[in-house]
């Protein structure tokens, strides 16, 4: 199955907002795609040393994805960076 990375604001977003659209996308797409949700990871226990790990895991998801589904509801430097990385 093809993989979709769910790209969109997380850091400066209310957690409910960051999750809500991803959950809706998962409900609609799970039958036909593997969904790569960056919010599936929990690094809150080790906030100081986890920032680099979060970025690396997300970049690997982007490399593994066939499709990037982007939510540009709100300006996000990180979301823009992830989209830029997808441009061949």
N, C-alpha and C. Protein backbone atom coordinates (compact mmCIF):
# COMPACT_ATOMS: atom_id res chain seq x y z
N UNK A 1 0.84 -1.19 0.00
CA UNK A 1 0.00 0.00 0.00
C UNK A 1 0.88 1.24 0.00
N UNK A 2 0.37 2.28 -0.63
CA UNK A 2 1.09 3.55 -0.65
C UNK A 2 1.00 4.22 0.72
N UNK A 3 2.04 5.02 1.01
CA UNK A 3 2.12 5.68 2.32
C UNK A 3 1.87 7.17 2.17
N UNK A 4 1.11 7.72 3.14
CA UNK A 4 0.83 9.15 3.19
C UNK A 4 1.38 9.71 4.50
N UNK A 5 2.19 10.76 4.38
CA UNK A 5 2.69 11.49 5.56
C UNK A 5 1.73 12.64 5.85
N UNK A 6 1.27 12.76 7.09
CA UNK A 6 0.33 13.80 7.49
C UNK A 6 1.09 15.01 8.02
N UNK A 7 1.31 15.96 7.14
CA UNK A 7 2.14 17.13 7.41
C UNK A 7 1.28 18.32 7.83
N UNK A 8 1.66 18.97 8.91
CA UNK A 8 0.93 20.15 9.37
C UNK A 8 1.46 20.62 10.71
N UNK A 9 1.06 21.81 11.14
CA UNK A 9 1.55 22.40 12.38
C UNK A 9 1.29 21.51 13.61
N UNK A 10 2.29 21.47 14.48
CA UNK A 10 2.16 20.75 15.75
C UNK A 10 2.64 21.63 16.90
N UNK A 11 3.85 22.15 16.78
CA UNK A 11 4.52 22.84 17.90
C UNK A 11 3.73 24.01 18.48
N UNK A 12 3.27 24.92 17.65
CA UNK A 12 2.56 26.10 18.15
C UNK A 12 1.06 25.96 17.98
N UNK A 13 0.61 24.74 17.93
CA UNK A 13 -0.80 24.43 17.71
C UNK A 13 -1.39 23.81 18.96
N UNK A 14 -2.63 24.12 19.24
CA UNK A 14 -3.33 23.45 20.33
C UNK A 14 -3.39 21.97 19.98
N UNK A 15 -3.04 21.10 20.92
CA UNK A 15 -2.94 19.68 20.63
C UNK A 15 -4.21 19.11 20.00
N UNK A 16 -5.35 19.55 20.45
CA UNK A 16 -6.60 19.06 19.86
C UNK A 16 -6.70 19.39 18.39
N UNK A 17 -6.26 20.60 18.01
CA UNK A 17 -6.29 20.99 16.60
C UNK A 17 -5.31 20.18 15.78
N UNK A 18 -4.13 19.96 16.32
CA UNK A 18 -3.09 19.21 15.61
C UNK A 18 -3.53 17.77 15.38
N UNK A 19 -4.29 17.23 16.29
CA UNK A 19 -4.75 15.84 16.18
C UNK A 19 -6.03 15.68 15.37
N UNK A 20 -6.94 16.64 15.48
CA UNK A 20 -8.28 16.48 14.91
C UNK A 20 -8.27 16.21 13.41
N UNK A 21 -7.56 17.01 12.65
CA UNK A 21 -7.58 16.80 11.20
C UNK A 21 -6.86 15.50 10.82
N UNK A 22 -5.82 15.14 11.60
CA UNK A 22 -5.11 13.89 11.32
C UNK A 22 -6.01 12.68 11.57
N UNK A 23 -6.80 12.74 12.66
CA UNK A 23 -7.71 11.64 12.96
C UNK A 23 -8.78 11.51 11.87
N UNK A 24 -9.27 12.63 11.39
CA UNK A 24 -10.26 12.59 10.31
C UNK A 24 -9.65 11.99 9.04
N UNK A 25 -8.43 12.40 8.71
CA UNK A 25 -7.75 11.85 7.53
C UNK A 25 -7.55 10.35 7.69
N UNK A 26 -7.17 9.92 8.88
CA UNK A 26 -6.95 8.48 9.10
C UNK A 26 -8.24 7.70 8.89
N UNK A 27 -9.35 8.20 9.40
CA UNK A 27 -10.64 7.51 9.22
C UNK A 27 -10.97 7.36 7.75
N UNK A 28 -10.72 8.40 6.99
CA UNK A 28 -11.08 8.39 5.57
C UNK A 28 -10.12 7.57 4.70
N UNK A 29 -8.86 7.50 5.07
CA UNK A 29 -7.84 6.95 4.18
C UNK A 29 -7.24 5.62 4.61
N UNK A 30 -7.51 5.17 5.82
CA UNK A 30 -6.84 4.00 6.38
C UNK A 30 -7.07 2.72 5.57
N UNK A 31 -8.16 2.62 4.87
CA UNK A 31 -8.45 1.41 4.11
C UNK A 31 -7.54 1.26 2.89
N UNK A 32 -7.10 2.39 2.35
CA UNK A 32 -6.36 2.38 1.10
C UNK A 32 -4.88 2.76 1.23
N UNK A 33 -4.49 3.30 2.38
CA UNK A 33 -3.13 3.80 2.55
C UNK A 33 -2.58 3.47 3.93
N UNK A 34 -1.26 3.48 4.02
CA UNK A 34 -0.58 3.46 5.32
C UNK A 34 -0.37 4.92 5.69
N UNK A 35 -0.82 5.32 6.88
CA UNK A 35 -0.73 6.72 7.28
C UNK A 35 0.44 6.90 8.23
N UNK A 36 1.30 7.86 7.92
CA UNK A 36 2.45 8.18 8.76
C UNK A 36 2.13 9.46 9.51
N UNK A 37 1.73 9.32 10.75
CA UNK A 37 1.32 10.44 11.59
C UNK A 37 2.45 10.81 12.53
N UNK A 38 3.04 12.01 12.39
CA UNK A 38 4.14 12.38 13.28
C UNK A 38 3.74 12.48 14.75
N UNK A 39 2.45 12.57 15.03
CA UNK A 39 1.99 12.67 16.41
C UNK A 39 1.90 11.31 17.10
N UNK A 40 2.24 10.26 16.39
CA UNK A 40 2.18 8.93 17.01
C UNK A 40 3.32 8.73 18.02
N UNK A 41 4.30 9.59 17.97
CA UNK A 41 5.44 9.48 18.89
C UNK A 41 5.23 10.38 20.10
N UNK A 42 5.73 9.95 21.25
CA UNK A 42 5.63 10.75 22.47
C UNK A 42 7.03 10.95 23.03
N UNK A 43 7.53 12.17 22.92
CA UNK A 43 8.86 12.48 23.40
C UNK A 43 8.84 13.38 24.63
N UNK A 44 7.70 13.57 25.25
CA UNK A 44 7.57 14.52 26.35
C UNK A 44 8.43 14.16 27.55
N UNK A 45 8.77 12.89 27.71
CA UNK A 45 9.58 12.48 28.84
C UNK A 45 11.00 13.03 28.77
N UNK A 46 11.51 13.23 27.55
CA UNK A 46 12.91 13.65 27.37
C UNK A 46 12.97 14.87 26.46
N UNK A 47 12.30 15.94 26.83
CA UNK A 47 12.16 17.10 25.95
C UNK A 47 13.50 17.68 25.51
N UNK A 48 14.50 17.71 26.37
CA UNK A 48 15.75 18.37 26.05
C UNK A 48 16.48 17.68 24.90
N UNK A 49 16.60 16.36 24.94
CA UNK A 49 17.37 15.67 23.91
C UNK A 49 16.51 15.06 22.81
N UNK A 50 15.21 15.33 22.82
CA UNK A 50 14.35 14.68 21.84
C UNK A 50 14.12 15.49 20.57
N UNK A 51 14.43 16.78 20.56
CA UNK A 51 14.14 17.62 19.40
C UNK A 51 14.81 17.07 18.13
N UNK A 52 16.07 16.72 18.23
CA UNK A 52 16.76 16.17 17.06
C UNK A 52 16.17 14.83 16.63
N UNK A 53 15.79 14.01 17.60
CA UNK A 53 15.17 12.72 17.28
C UNK A 53 13.83 12.91 16.56
N UNK A 54 13.05 13.86 17.03
CA UNK A 54 11.75 14.13 16.41
C UNK A 54 11.95 14.51 14.95
N UNK A 55 12.88 15.42 14.70
CA UNK A 55 13.16 15.85 13.33
C UNK A 55 13.61 14.67 12.47
N UNK A 56 14.52 13.88 12.98
CA UNK A 56 15.03 12.74 12.20
C UNK A 56 13.95 11.72 11.88
N UNK A 57 13.09 11.41 12.86
CA UNK A 57 12.00 10.46 12.61
C UNK A 57 11.02 11.03 11.58
N UNK A 58 10.70 12.31 11.69
CA UNK A 58 9.79 12.92 10.72
C UNK A 58 10.40 12.94 9.32
N UNK A 59 11.68 13.26 9.23
CA UNK A 59 12.35 13.25 7.92
C UNK A 59 12.35 11.85 7.32
N UNK A 60 12.53 10.84 8.14
CA UNK A 60 12.48 9.47 7.62
C UNK A 60 11.07 9.14 7.12
N UNK A 61 10.06 9.58 7.85
CA UNK A 61 8.68 9.37 7.39
C UNK A 61 8.46 10.03 6.04
N UNK A 62 8.96 11.24 5.87
CA UNK A 62 8.81 11.95 4.61
C UNK A 62 9.51 11.20 3.48
N UNK A 63 10.70 10.69 3.75
CA UNK A 63 11.42 9.91 2.73
C UNK A 63 10.67 8.63 2.37
N UNK A 64 10.01 8.03 3.35
CA UNK A 64 9.28 6.78 3.14
C UNK A 64 7.92 6.99 2.45
N UNK A 65 7.40 8.21 2.51
CA UNK A 65 6.05 8.48 2.01
C UNK A 65 6.01 8.57 0.48
N UNK A 66 4.90 8.11 -0.05
CA UNK A 66 4.62 8.27 -1.48
C UNK A 66 3.86 9.57 -1.73
N UNK A 67 3.11 9.99 -0.73
CA UNK A 67 2.26 11.19 -0.82
C UNK A 67 2.42 11.98 0.47
N UNK A 68 2.42 13.31 0.34
CA UNK A 68 2.42 14.18 1.52
C UNK A 68 1.07 14.92 1.53
N UNK A 69 0.29 14.72 2.58
CA UNK A 69 -0.96 15.44 2.76
C UNK A 69 -0.67 16.59 3.71
N UNK A 70 -0.83 17.82 3.23
CA UNK A 70 -0.42 19.00 4.00
C UNK A 70 -1.63 19.80 4.46
N UNK A 71 -1.64 20.15 5.74
CA UNK A 71 -2.63 21.06 6.30
C UNK A 71 -1.93 22.40 6.51
N UNK A 72 -2.26 23.36 5.66
CA UNK A 72 -1.67 24.71 5.77
C UNK A 72 -2.63 25.68 6.44
N UNK A 73 -3.43 25.19 7.36
CA UNK A 73 -4.41 26.03 8.06
C UNK A 73 -3.74 27.18 8.80
N UNK A 74 -2.52 26.95 9.22
CA UNK A 74 -1.80 27.92 10.03
C UNK A 74 -0.34 27.93 9.56
N UNK A 75 0.27 29.11 9.57
CA UNK A 75 1.66 29.23 9.18
C UNK A 75 2.55 28.41 10.11
N UNK A 76 3.48 27.66 9.52
CA UNK A 76 4.39 26.84 10.30
C UNK A 76 5.71 26.70 9.55
N UNK A 77 6.79 27.12 10.18
CA UNK A 77 8.11 27.00 9.56
C UNK A 77 8.43 25.53 9.31
N UNK A 78 8.14 24.71 10.26
CA UNK A 78 8.46 23.29 10.13
C UNK A 78 7.67 22.63 9.01
N UNK A 79 6.39 22.96 8.91
CA UNK A 79 5.57 22.41 7.82
C UNK A 79 6.14 22.86 6.48
N UNK A 80 6.51 24.12 6.37
CA UNK A 80 7.10 24.63 5.13
C UNK A 80 8.39 23.89 4.80
N UNK A 81 9.21 23.63 5.80
CA UNK A 81 10.46 22.89 5.58
C UNK A 81 10.16 21.48 5.09
N UNK A 82 9.17 20.82 5.68
CA UNK A 82 8.84 19.45 5.27
C UNK A 82 8.35 19.42 3.83
N UNK A 83 7.54 20.40 3.44
CA UNK A 83 7.06 20.47 2.06
C UNK A 83 8.22 20.73 1.12
N UNK A 84 9.09 21.64 1.48
CA UNK A 84 10.27 21.96 0.65
C UNK A 84 11.12 20.71 0.39
N UNK A 85 11.26 19.88 1.40
CA UNK A 85 12.06 18.66 1.24
C UNK A 85 11.46 17.68 0.23
N UNK A 86 10.19 17.83 -0.05
CA UNK A 86 9.52 16.91 -0.99
C UNK A 86 9.68 17.34 -2.44
N UNK A 87 10.16 18.53 -2.67
CA UNK A 87 10.31 19.03 -4.04
C UNK A 87 11.53 18.38 -4.67
N UNK A 88 11.33 17.68 -5.80
CA UNK A 88 12.48 17.00 -6.43
C UNK A 88 13.44 17.98 -7.08
